[in-house]
PDB file of all heavy atoms in Angstrom:
ATOM      1  N   ASN A   1      93.407 121.346  97.067  1.00  0.00           N
ATOM      2  CA  ASN A   1      92.824 120.189  97.771  1.00  0.00           C
ATOM      3  C   ASN A   1      93.819 119.048  97.958  1.00  0.00           C
ATOM      4  O   ASN A   1      93.465 118.006  98.529  1.00  0.00           O
ATOM      5  CB  ASN A   1      91.617 119.653  96.984  1.00  0.00           C
ATOM      6  CG  ASN A   1      90.532 120.702  96.818  1.00  0.00           C
ATOM      7  OD1 ASN A   1      90.292 121.490  97.725  1.00  0.00           O
ATOM      8  ND2 ASN A   1      89.877 120.710  95.658  1.00  0.00           N
ATOM      9  N   ALA A   2      95.050 119.222  97.485  1.00  0.00           N
ATOM     10  CA  ALA A   2      95.994 118.109  97.395  1.00  0.00           C
ATOM     11  C   ALA A   2      96.319 117.477  98.740  1.00  0.00           C
ATOM     12  O   ALA A   2      96.295 116.247  98.881  1.00  0.00           O
ATOM     13  CB  ALA A   2      97.285 118.570  96.712  1.00  0.00           C
ATOM     14  N   VAL A   3      96.626 118.272  99.733  1.00  0.00           N
ATOM     15  CA  VAL A   3      97.064 117.705 101.015  1.00  0.00           C
ATOM     16  C   VAL A   3      95.932 116.921 101.674  1.00  0.00           C
ATOM     17  O   VAL A   3      96.137 115.798 102.156  1.00  0.00           O
ATOM     18  CB  VAL A   3      97.590 118.808 101.954  1.00  0.00           C
ATOM     19  CG1 VAL A   3      97.956 118.213 103.311  1.00  0.00           C
ATOM     20  CG2 VAL A   3      98.817 119.492 101.339  1.00  0.00           C
ATOM     21  N   ASN A   4      94.720 117.487 101.696  1.00  0.00           N
ATOM     22  CA  ASN A   4      93.582 116.768 102.281  1.00  0.00           C
ATOM     23  C   ASN A   4      93.282 115.487 101.521  1.00  0.00           C
ATOM     24  O   ASN A   4      92.985 114.450 102.124  1.00  0.00           O
ATOM     25  CB  ASN A   4      92.344 117.660 102.309  1.00  0.00           C
ATOM     26  CG  ASN A   4      92.394 118.679 103.437  1.00  0.00           C
ATOM     27  OD1 ASN A   4      93.065 118.455 104.442  1.00  0.00           O
ATOM     28  ND2 ASN A   4      91.701 119.789 103.261  1.00  0.00           N
ATOM     29  N   ALA A   5      93.352 115.556 100.179  1.00  0.00           N
ATOM     30  CA  ALA A   5      93.092 114.368  99.367  1.00  0.00           C
ATOM     31  C   ALA A   5      94.132 113.282  99.631  1.00  0.00           C
ATOM     32  O   ALA A   5      93.815 112.086  99.644  1.00  0.00           O
ATOM     33  CB  ALA A   5      93.071 114.740  97.885  1.00  0.00           C
ATOM     34  N   LEU A   6      95.381 113.699  99.859  1.00  0.00           N
ATOM     35  CA  LEU A   6      96.436 112.739 100.173  1.00  0.00           C
ATOM     36  C   LEU A   6      96.193 112.101 101.540  1.00  0.00           C
ATOM     37  O   LEU A   6      96.327 110.884 101.702  1.00  0.00           O
ATOM     38  CB  LEU A   6      97.799 113.452 100.134  1.00  0.00           C
ATOM     39  CG  LEU A   6      99.041 112.562 100.007  1.00  0.00           C
ATOM     40  CD1 LEU A   6      99.124 111.970  98.609  1.00  0.00           C
ATOM     41  CD2 LEU A   6     100.317 113.356 100.308  1.00  0.00           C
ATOM     42  N   LYS A   7      95.831 112.933 102.519  1.00  0.00           N
ATOM     43  CA  LYS A   7      95.539 112.430 103.863  1.00  0.00           C
ATOM     44  C   LYS A   7      94.407 111.404 103.845  1.00  0.00           C
ATOM     45  O   LYS A   7      94.439 110.405 104.563  1.00  0.00           O
ATOM     46  CB  LYS A   7      95.144 113.585 104.788  1.00  0.00           C
ATOM     47  CG  LYS A   7      96.263 114.502 105.212  1.00  0.00           C
ATOM     48  CD  LYS A   7      95.702 115.597 106.113  1.00  0.00           C
ATOM     49  CE  LYS A   7      96.737 116.615 106.496  1.00  0.00           C
ATOM     50  NZ  LYS A   7      96.171 117.707 107.338  1.00  0.00           N
ATOM     51  N   ASN A   8      93.377 111.693 103.026  1.00  0.00           N
ATOM     52  CA  ASN A   8      92.189 110.836 102.983  1.00  0.00           C
ATOM     53  C   ASN A   8      92.340 109.631 102.071  1.00  0.00           C
ATOM     54  O   ASN A   8      91.407 108.828 101.940  1.00  0.00           O
ATOM     55  CB  ASN A   8      90.968 111.659 102.533  1.00  0.00           C
ATOM     56  CG  ASN A   8      90.649 112.788 103.497  1.00  0.00           C
ATOM     57  OD1 ASN A   8      90.937 112.683 104.685  1.00  0.00           O
ATOM     58  ND2 ASN A   8      90.064 113.863 102.988  1.00  0.00           N
ATOM     59  N   GLY A   9      93.506 109.505 101.418  1.00  0.00           N
ATOM     60  CA  GLY A   9      93.737 108.375 100.542  1.00  0.00           C
ATOM     61  C   GLY A   9      93.010 108.451  99.212  1.00  0.00           C
ATOM     62  O   GLY A   9      92.922 107.462  98.484  1.00  0.00           O
ATOM     63  N   GLN A  10      92.520 109.655  98.861  1.00  0.00           N
ATOM     64  CA  GLN A  10      91.819 109.823  97.577  1.00  0.00           C
ATOM     65  C   GLN A  10      92.800 109.875  96.412  1.00  0.00           C
ATOM     66  O   GLN A  10      92.425 109.596  95.275  1.00  0.00           O
ATOM     67  CB  GLN A  10      90.975 111.101  97.609  1.00  0.00           C
ATOM     68  CG  GLN A  10      89.846 111.062  98.627  1.00  0.00           C
ATOM     69  CD  GLN A  10      89.219 112.435  98.821  1.00  0.00           C
ATOM     70  OE1 GLN A  10      89.865 113.383  99.288  1.00  0.00           O
ATOM     71  NE2 GLN A  10      87.959 112.542  98.447  1.00  0.00           N
ATOM     72  N   ILE A  11      94.017 110.270  96.701  1.00  0.00           N
ATOM     73  CA  ILE A  11      95.065 110.303  95.686  1.00  0.00           C
ATOM     74  C   ILE A  11      96.314 109.650  96.259  1.00  0.00           C
ATOM     75  O   ILE A  11      96.464 109.511  97.481  1.00  0.00           O
ATOM     76  CB  ILE A  11      95.394 111.745  95.227  1.00  0.00           C
ATOM     77  CG1 ILE A  11      95.873 112.599  96.426  1.00  0.00           C
ATOM     78  CG2 ILE A  11      94.202 112.387  94.528  1.00  0.00           C
ATOM     79  CD1 ILE A  11      96.365 113.981  96.041  1.00  0.00           C
ATOM     80  N   ASP A  12      97.217 109.260  95.373  1.00  0.00           N
ATOM     81  CA  ASP A  12      98.495 108.676  95.802  1.00  0.00           C
ATOM     82  C   ASP A  12      99.609 109.707  95.822  1.00  0.00           C
ATOM     83  O   ASP A  12     100.651 109.495  96.454  1.00  0.00           O
ATOM     84  CB  ASP A  12      98.887 107.530  94.865  1.00  0.00           C
ATOM     85  CG  ASP A  12      97.881 106.396  94.892  1.00  0.00           C
ATOM     86  OD1 ASP A  12      97.694 105.791  95.961  1.00  0.00           O
ATOM     87  OD2 ASP A  12      97.266 106.134  93.829  1.00  0.00           O
ATOM     88  N   GLY A  13      99.392 110.793  95.094  1.00  0.00           N
ATOM     89  CA  GLY A  13     100.428 111.809  95.036  1.00  0.00           C
ATOM     90  C   GLY A  13      99.943 113.058  94.335  1.00  0.00           C
ATOM     91  O   GLY A  13      98.840 113.085  93.767  1.00  0.00           O
ATOM     92  N   PHE A  14     100.777 114.105  94.384  1.00  0.00           N
ATOM     93  CA  PHE A  14     100.437 115.344  93.675  1.00  0.00           C
ATOM     94  C   PHE A  14     101.713 115.996  93.162  1.00  0.00           C
ATOM     95  O   PHE A  14     102.826 115.691  93.618  1.00  0.00           O
ATOM     96  CB  PHE A  14      99.640 116.301  94.561  1.00  0.00           C
ATOM     97  CG  PHE A  14     100.363 116.832  95.777  1.00  0.00           C
ATOM     98  CD1 PHE A  14     101.102 118.013  95.721  1.00  0.00           C
ATOM     99  CD2 PHE A  14     100.284 116.157  96.998  1.00  0.00           C
ATOM    100  CE1 PHE A  14     101.754 118.514  96.844  1.00  0.00           C
ATOM    101  CE2 PHE A  14     100.932 116.649  98.133  1.00  0.00           C
ATOM    102  CZ  PHE A  14     101.661 117.831  98.049  1.00  0.00           C
ATOM    103  N   VAL A  15     101.530 116.883  92.199  1.00  0.00           N
ATOM    104  CA  VAL A  15     102.652 117.603  91.595  1.00  0.00           C
ATOM    105  C   VAL A  15     102.476 119.087  91.901  1.00  0.00           C
ATOM    106  O   VAL A  15     101.384 119.640  91.731  1.00  0.00           O
ATOM    107  CB  VAL A  15     102.702 117.386  90.076  1.00  0.00           C
ATOM    108  CG1 VAL A  15     103.880 118.157  89.459  1.00  0.00           C
ATOM    109  CG2 VAL A  15     102.820 115.902  89.749  1.00  0.00           C
ATOM    110  N   THR A  16     103.530 119.706  92.378  1.00  0.00           N
ATOM    111  CA  THR A  16     103.454 121.136  92.659  1.00  0.00           C
ATOM    112  C   THR A  16     104.769 121.795  92.278  1.00  0.00           C
ATOM    113  O   THR A  16     105.830 121.166  92.317  1.00  0.00           O
ATOM    114  CB  THR A  16     103.132 121.379  94.153  1.00  0.00           C
ATOM    115  OG1 THR A  16     102.927 122.771  94.377  1.00  0.00           O
ATOM    116  CG2 THR A  16     104.262 120.895  95.053  1.00  0.00           C
ATOM    117  N   ALA A  17     104.691 123.044  91.888  1.00  0.00           N
ATOM    118  CA  ALA A  17     105.889 123.814  91.545  1.00  0.00           C
ATOM    119  C   ALA A  17     105.863 125.116  92.323  1.00  0.00           C
ATOM    120  O   ALA A  17     104.847 125.814  92.346  1.00  0.00           O
ATOM    121  CB  ALA A  17     105.951 124.097  90.051  1.00  0.00           C
ATOM    122  N   GLY A  18     106.942 125.413  92.972  1.00  0.00           N
ATOM    123  CA  GLY A  18     107.056 126.651  93.733  1.00  0.00           C
ATOM    124  C   GLY A  18     108.423 126.695  94.355  1.00  0.00           C
ATOM    125  O   GLY A  18     109.220 125.781  94.209  1.00  0.00           O
ATOM    126  N   SER A  19     108.708 127.781  95.039  1.00  0.00           N
ATOM    127  CA  SER A  19     109.993 127.857  95.720  1.00  0.00           C
ATOM    128  C   SER A  19     110.023 126.821  96.830  1.00  0.00           C
ATOM    129  O   SER A  19     108.989 126.469  97.386  1.00  0.00           O
ATOM    130  CB  SER A  19     110.150 129.255  96.321  1.00  0.00           C
ATOM    131  OG  SER A  19     109.012 129.562  97.099  1.00  0.00           O
ATOM    132  N   PHE A  20     111.215 126.282  97.102  1.00  0.00           N
ATOM    133  CA  PHE A  20     111.284 125.311  98.191  1.00  0.00           C
ATOM    134  C   PHE A  20     111.881 125.969  99.429  1.00  0.00           C
ATOM    135  O   PHE A  20     112.679 126.908  99.304  1.00  0.00           O
ATOM    136  CB  PHE A  20     112.109 124.085  97.763  1.00  0.00           C
ATOM    137  CG  PHE A  20     113.605 124.280  97.772  1.00  0.00           C
ATOM    138  CD1 PHE A  20     114.358 124.059  98.924  1.00  0.00           C
ATOM    139  CD2 PHE A  20     114.280 124.699  96.636  1.00  0.00           C
ATOM    140  CE1 PHE A  20     115.738 124.235  98.944  1.00  0.00           C
ATOM    141  CE2 PHE A  20     115.662 124.885  96.636  1.00  0.00           C
ATOM    142  CZ  PHE A  20     116.383 124.646  97.800  1.00  0.00           C
ATOM    143  N   PRO A  21     111.463 125.526 100.632  1.00  0.00           N
ATOM    144  CA  PRO A  21     110.483 124.480 100.887  1.00  0.00           C
ATOM    145  C   PRO A  21     109.061 124.957 100.588  1.00  0.00           C
ATOM    146  O   PRO A  21     108.676 126.047 100.995  1.00  0.00           O
ATOM    147  CB  PRO A  21     110.671 124.181 102.378  1.00  0.00           C
ATOM    148  CG  PRO A  21     111.246 125.434 102.959  1.00  0.00           C
ATOM    149  CD  PRO A  21     112.075 126.047 101.885  1.00  0.00           C
ATOM    150  N   ALA A  22     108.294 124.113  99.873  1.00  0.00           N
ATOM    151  CA  ALA A  22     106.939 124.466  99.466  1.00  0.00           C
ATOM    152  C   ALA A  22     105.974 124.227 100.632  1.00  0.00           C
ATOM    153  O   ALA A  22     105.994 123.151 101.234  1.00  0.00           O
ATOM    154  CB  ALA A  22     106.532 123.622  98.265  1.00  0.00           C
ATOM    155  N   PRO A  23     105.134 125.192 100.973  1.00  0.00           N
ATOM    156  CA  PRO A  23     104.234 125.047 102.126  1.00  0.00           C
ATOM    157  C   PRO A  23     103.343 123.800 102.070  1.00  0.00           C
ATOM    158  O   PRO A  23     103.163 123.128 103.093  1.00  0.00           O
ATOM    159  CB  PRO A  23     103.384 126.325 102.066  1.00  0.00           C
ATOM    160  CG  PRO A  23     104.276 127.323 101.404  1.00  0.00           C
ATOM    161  CD  PRO A  23     105.035 126.538 100.380  1.00  0.00           C
ATOM    162  N   ASN A  24     102.811 123.466 100.882  1.00  0.00           N
ATOM    163  CA  ASN A  24     101.934 122.290 100.813  1.00  0.00           C
ATOM    164  C   ASN A  24     102.715 120.986 100.987  1.00  0.00           C
ATOM    165  O   ASN A  24     102.206 119.999 101.522  1.00  0.00           O
ATOM    166  CB  ASN A  24     101.099 122.272  99.526  1.00  0.00           C
ATOM    167  CG  ASN A  24     101.917 122.448  98.267  1.00  0.00           C
ATOM    168  OD1 ASN A  24     103.131 122.638  98.301  1.00  0.00           O
ATOM    169  ND2 ASN A  24     101.244 122.400  97.122  1.00  0.00           N
ATOM    170  N   VAL A  25     103.986 120.975 100.579  1.00  0.00           N
ATOM    171  CA  VAL A  25     104.818 119.782 100.772  1.00  0.00           C
ATOM    172  C   VAL A  25     105.222 119.665 102.246  1.00  0.00           C
ATOM    173  O   VAL A  25     105.258 118.559 102.801  1.00  0.00           O
ATOM    174  CB  VAL A  25     106.061 119.816  99.861  1.00  0.00           C
ATOM    175  CG1 VAL A  25     106.890 118.543 100.027  1.00  0.00           C
ATOM    176  CG2 VAL A  25     105.646 119.975  98.398  1.00  0.00           C
ATOM    177  N   ILE A  26     105.509 120.795 102.875  1.00  0.00           N
ATOM    178  CA  ILE A  26     105.816 120.791 104.310  1.00  0.00           C
ATOM    179  C   ILE A  26     104.648 120.182 105.091  1.00  0.00           C
ATOM    180  O   ILE A  26     104.830 119.313 105.949  1.00  0.00           O
ATOM    181  CB  ILE A  26     106.090 122.226 104.814  1.00  0.00           C
ATOM    182  CG1 ILE A  26     107.401 122.760 104.249  1.00  0.00           C
ATOM    183  CG2 ILE A  26     106.124 122.259 106.349  1.00  0.00           C
ATOM    184  CD1 ILE A  26     107.664 124.214 104.584  1.00  0.00           C
ATOM    185  N   GLU A  27     103.431 120.629 104.759  1.00  0.00           N
ATOM    186  CA  GLU A  27     102.236 120.140 105.459  1.00  0.00           C
ATOM    187  C   GLU A  27     102.022 118.647 105.222  1.00  0.00           C
ATOM    188  O   GLU A  27     101.755 117.888 106.160  1.00  0.00           O
ATOM    189  CB  GLU A  27     101.007 120.925 105.006  1.00  0.00           C
ATOM    190  CG  GLU A  27      99.737 120.538 105.744  1.00  0.00           C
ATOM    191  CD  GLU A  27      98.506 121.288 105.262  1.00  0.00           C
ATOM    192  OE1 GLU A  27      98.646 122.180 104.394  1.00  0.00           O
ATOM    193  OE2 GLU A  27      97.396 120.960 105.728  1.00  0.00           O
ATOM    194  N   ALA A  28     102.162 118.228 103.965  1.00  0.00           N
ATOM    195  CA  ALA A  28     101.954 116.812 103.638  1.00  0.00           C
ATOM    196  C   ALA A  28     102.996 115.929 104.315  1.00  0.00           C
ATOM    197  O   ALA A  28     102.676 114.863 104.858  1.00  0.00           O
ATOM    198  CB  ALA A  28     101.998 116.614 102.125  1.00  0.00           C
ATOM    199  N   ALA A  29     104.256 116.378 104.305  1.00  0.00           N
ATOM    200  CA  ALA A  29     105.332 115.582 104.902  1.00  0.00           C
ATOM    201  C   ALA A  29     105.154 115.447 106.410  1.00  0.00           C
ATOM    202  O   ALA A  29     105.421 114.393 106.989  1.00  0.00           O
ATOM    203  CB  ALA A  29     106.678 116.220 104.583  1.00  0.00           C
ATOM    204  N   ALA A  30     104.688 116.526 107.043  1.00  0.00           N
ATOM    205  CA  ALA A  30     104.537 116.513 108.495  1.00  0.00           C
ATOM    206  C   ALA A  30     103.304 115.742 108.950  1.00  0.00           C
ATOM    207  O   ALA A  30     103.295 115.157 110.032  1.00  0.00           O
ATOM    208  CB  ALA A  30     104.475 117.944 109.015  1.00  0.00           C
ATOM    209  N   SER A  31     102.270 115.724 108.104  1.00  0.00           N
ATOM    210  CA  SER A  31     100.998 115.142 108.542  1.00  0.00           C
ATOM    211  C   SER A  31     100.787 113.694 108.104  1.00  0.00           C
ATOM    212  O   SER A  31     100.172 112.907 108.827  1.00  0.00           O
ATOM    213  CB  SER A  31      99.829 115.992 108.042  1.00  0.00           C
ATOM    214  OG  SER A  31      99.833 116.076 106.624  1.00  0.00           O
ATOM    215  N   THR A  32     101.286 113.335 106.926  1.00  0.00           N
ATOM    216  CA  THR A  32     101.026 111.973 106.437  1.00  0.00           C
ATOM    217  C   THR A  32     102.281 111.192 106.093  1.00  0.00           C
ATOM    218  O   THR A  32     102.245 109.970 105.989  1.00  0.00           O
ATOM    219  CB  THR A  32     100.136 112.007 105.178  1.00  0.00           C
ATOM    220  OG1 THR A  32     100.844 112.672 104.125  1.00  0.00           O
ATOM    221  CG2 THR A  32      98.843 112.750 105.431  1.00  0.00           C
ATOM    222  N   GLY A  33     103.376 111.877 105.868  1.00  0.00           N
ATOM    223  CA  GLY A  33     104.602 111.204 105.425  1.00  0.00           C
ATOM    224  C   GLY A  33     104.590 111.065 103.920  1.00  0.00           C
ATOM    225  O   GLY A  33     103.637 110.541 103.341  1.00  0.00           O
ATOM    226  N   VAL A  34     105.624 111.584 103.273  1.00  0.00           N
ATOM    227  CA  VAL A  34     105.676 111.553 101.810  1.00  0.00           C
ATOM    228  C   VAL A  34     107.073 111.205 101.327  1.00  0.00           C
ATOM    229  O   VAL A  34     108.050 111.289 102.074  1.00  0.00           O
ATOM    230  CB  VAL A  34     105.267 112.912 101.193  1.00  0.00           C
ATOM    231  CG1 VAL A  34     103.842 113.290 101.580  1.00  0.00           C
ATOM    232  CG2 VAL A  34     106.251 114.022 101.595  1.00  0.00           C
ATOM    233  N   THR A  35     107.142 110.833 100.054  1.00  0.00           N
ATOM    234  CA  THR A  35     108.409 110.688  99.343  1.00  0.00           C
ATOM    235  C   THR A  35     108.377 111.655  98.171  1.00  0.00           C
ATOM    236  O   THR A  35     107.452 111.609  97.354  1.00  0.00           O
ATOM    237  CB  THR A  35     108.594 109.260  98.809  1.00  0.00           C
ATOM    238  OG1 THR A  35     108.618 108.348  99.902  1.00  0.00           O
ATOM    239  CG2 THR A  35     109.900 109.141  98.024  1.00  0.00           C
ATOM    240  N   VAL A  36     109.339 112.556  98.115  1.00  0.00           N
ATOM    241  CA  VAL A  36     109.461 113.459  96.967  1.00  0.00           C
ATOM    242  C   VAL A  36     110.458 112.821  96.004  1.00  0.00           C
ATOM    243  O   VAL A  36     111.605 112.554  96.358  1.00  0.00           O
ATOM    244  CB  VAL A  36     109.935 114.858  97.397  1.00  0.00           C
ATOM    245  CG1 VAL A  36     110.034 115.779  96.172  1.00  0.00           C
ATOM    246  CG2 VAL A  36     108.985 115.456  98.432  1.00  0.00           C
ATOM    247  N   LEU A  37     109.987 112.534  94.781  1.00  0.00           N
ATOM    248  CA  LEU A  37     110.788 111.766  93.833  1.00  0.00           C
ATOM    249  C   LEU A  37     111.959 112.571  93.279  1.00  0.00           C
ATOM    250  O   LEU A  37     111.849 113.766  93.022  1.00  0.00           O
ATOM    251  CB  LEU A  37     109.919 111.290  92.675  1.00  0.00           C
ATOM    252  CG  LEU A  37     108.686 110.459  93.036  1.00  0.00           C
ATOM    253  CD1 LEU A  37     107.992 109.967  91.755  1.00  0.00           C
ATOM    254  CD2 LEU A  37     109.059 109.268  93.924  1.00  0.00           C
ATOM    255  N   SER A  38     113.077 111.888  93.074  1.00  0.00           N
ATOM    256  CA  SER A  38     114.231 112.472  92.399  1.00  0.00           C
ATOM    257  C   SER A  38     114.221 112.087  90.927  1.00  0.00           C
ATOM    258  O   SER A  38     113.731 111.011  90.552  1.00  0.00           O
ATOM    259  CB  SER A  38     115.536 111.968  93.027  1.00  0.00           C
ATOM    260  OG  SER A  38     115.882 112.701  94.173  1.00  0.00           O
ATOM    261  N   LEU A  39     114.761 112.963  90.089  1.00  0.00           N
ATOM    262  CA  LEU A  39     114.920 112.688  88.666  1.00  0.00           C
ATOM    263  C   LEU A  39     116.363 112.272  88.414  1.00  0.00           C
ATOM    264  O   LEU A  39     117.293 112.793  89.048  1.00  0.00           O
ATOM    265  CB  LEU A  39     114.600 113.920  87.823  1.00  0.00           C
ATOM    266  CG  LEU A  39     113.122 114.260  87.592  1.00  0.00           C
ATOM    267  CD1 LEU A  39     112.472 114.800  88.867  1.00  0.00           C
ATOM    268  CD2 LEU A  39     112.969 115.280  86.454  1.00  0.00           C
ATOM    269  N   ASN A  40     116.552 111.343  87.479  1.00  0.00           N
ATOM    270  CA  ASN A  40     117.913 110.969  87.111  1.00  0.00           C
ATOM    271  C   ASN A  40     118.430 111.893  86.009  1.00  0.00           C
ATOM    272  O   ASN A  40     117.691 112.751  85.497  1.00  0.00           O
ATOM    273  CB  ASN A  40     117.991 109.493  86.699  1.00  0.00           C
ATOM    274  CG  ASN A  40     117.097 109.160  85.506  1.00  0.00           C
ATOM    275  OD1 ASN A  40     116.943 109.970  84.573  1.00  0.00           O
ATOM    276  ND2 ASN A  40     116.506 107.965  85.506  1.00  0.00           N
ATOM    277  N   ASP A  41     119.694 111.711  85.637  1.00  0.00           N
ATOM    278  CA  ASP A  41     120.313 112.598  84.653  1.00  0.00           C
ATOM    279  C   ASP A  41     119.576 112.583  83.320  1.00  0.00           C
ATOM    280  O   ASP A  41     119.392 113.630  82.679  1.00  0.00           O
ATOM    281  CB  ASP A  41     121.777 112.193  84.431  1.00  0.00           C
ATOM    282  CG  ASP A  41     122.650 112.468  85.644  1.00  0.00           C
ATOM    283  OD1 ASP A  41     122.208 113.230  86.531  1.00  0.00           O
ATOM    284  OD2 ASP A  41     123.763 111.917  85.708  1.00  0.00           O
ATOM    285  N   GLU A  42     119.146 111.412  82.878  1.00  0.00           N
ATOM    286  CA  GLU A  42     118.442 111.304  81.602  1.00  0.00           C
ATOM    287  C   GLU A  42     117.108 112.051  81.652  1.00  0.00           C
ATOM    288  O   GLU A  42     116.752 112.753  80.695  1.00  0.00           O
ATOM    289  CB  GLU A  42     118.197 109.831  81.263  1.00  0.00           C
ATOM    290  CG  GLU A  42     117.509 109.625  79.916  1.00  0.00           C
ATOM    291  CD  GLU A  42     117.244 108.159  79.611  1.00  0.00           C
ATOM    292  OE1 GLU A  42     117.701 107.287  80.389  1.00  0.00           O
ATOM    293  OE2 GLU A  42     116.561 107.885  78.608  1.00  0.00           O
ATOM    294  N   GLN A  43     116.397 111.926  82.749  1.00  0.00           N
ATOM    295  CA  GLN A  43     115.109 112.606  82.881  1.00  0.00           C
ATOM    296  C   GLN A  43     115.276 114.124  82.922  1.00  0.00           C
ATOM    297  O   GLN A  43     114.488 114.857  82.322  1.00  0.00           O
ATOM    298  CB  GLN A  43     114.395 112.098  84.137  1.00  0.00           C
ATOM    299  CG  GLN A  43     113.897 110.675  84.014  1.00  0.00           C
ATOM    300  CD  GLN A  43     113.466 110.080  85.341  1.00  0.00           C
ATOM    301  OE1 GLN A  43     113.951 110.486  86.403  1.00  0.00           O
ATOM    302  NE2 GLN A  43     112.558 109.109  85.304  1.00  0.00           N
ATOM    303  N   ILE A  44     116.316 114.583  83.587  1.00  0.00           N
ATOM    304  CA  ILE A  44     116.576 116.021  83.635  1.00  0.00           C
ATOM    305  C   ILE A  44     116.904 116.540  82.238  1.00  0.00           C
ATOM    306  O   ILE A  44     116.422 117.606  81.823  1.00  0.00           O
ATOM    307  CB  ILE A  44     117.716 116.336  84.620  1.00  0.00           C
ATOM    308  CG1 ILE A  44     117.243 116.061  86.058  1.00  0.00           C
ATOM    309  CG2 ILE A  44     118.181 117.784  84.478  1.00  0.00           C
ATOM    310  CD1 ILE A  44     118.326 116.149  87.097  1.00  0.00           C
ATOM    311  N   ALA A  45     117.690 115.780  81.495  1.00  0.00           N
ATOM    312  CA  ALA A  45     118.026 116.176  80.122  1.00  0.00           C
ATOM    313  C   ALA A  45     116.770 116.224  79.252  1.00  0.00           C
ATOM    314  O   ALA A  45     116.596 117.144  78.442  1.00  0.00           O
ATOM    315  CB  ALA A  45     119.039 115.206  79.534  1.00  0.00           C
TER     316      ALA A  45
END
């Protein structure tokens, strides 16, 4: 339900794991505009 919920403003974001490019992220980016967050070195560690 993540992409529809994002479109409707019910959520501010979602977390997904899969091979990239991820189909649900492609859909969200194309339909509503998104920012996919980057992790810094400390967070990765």
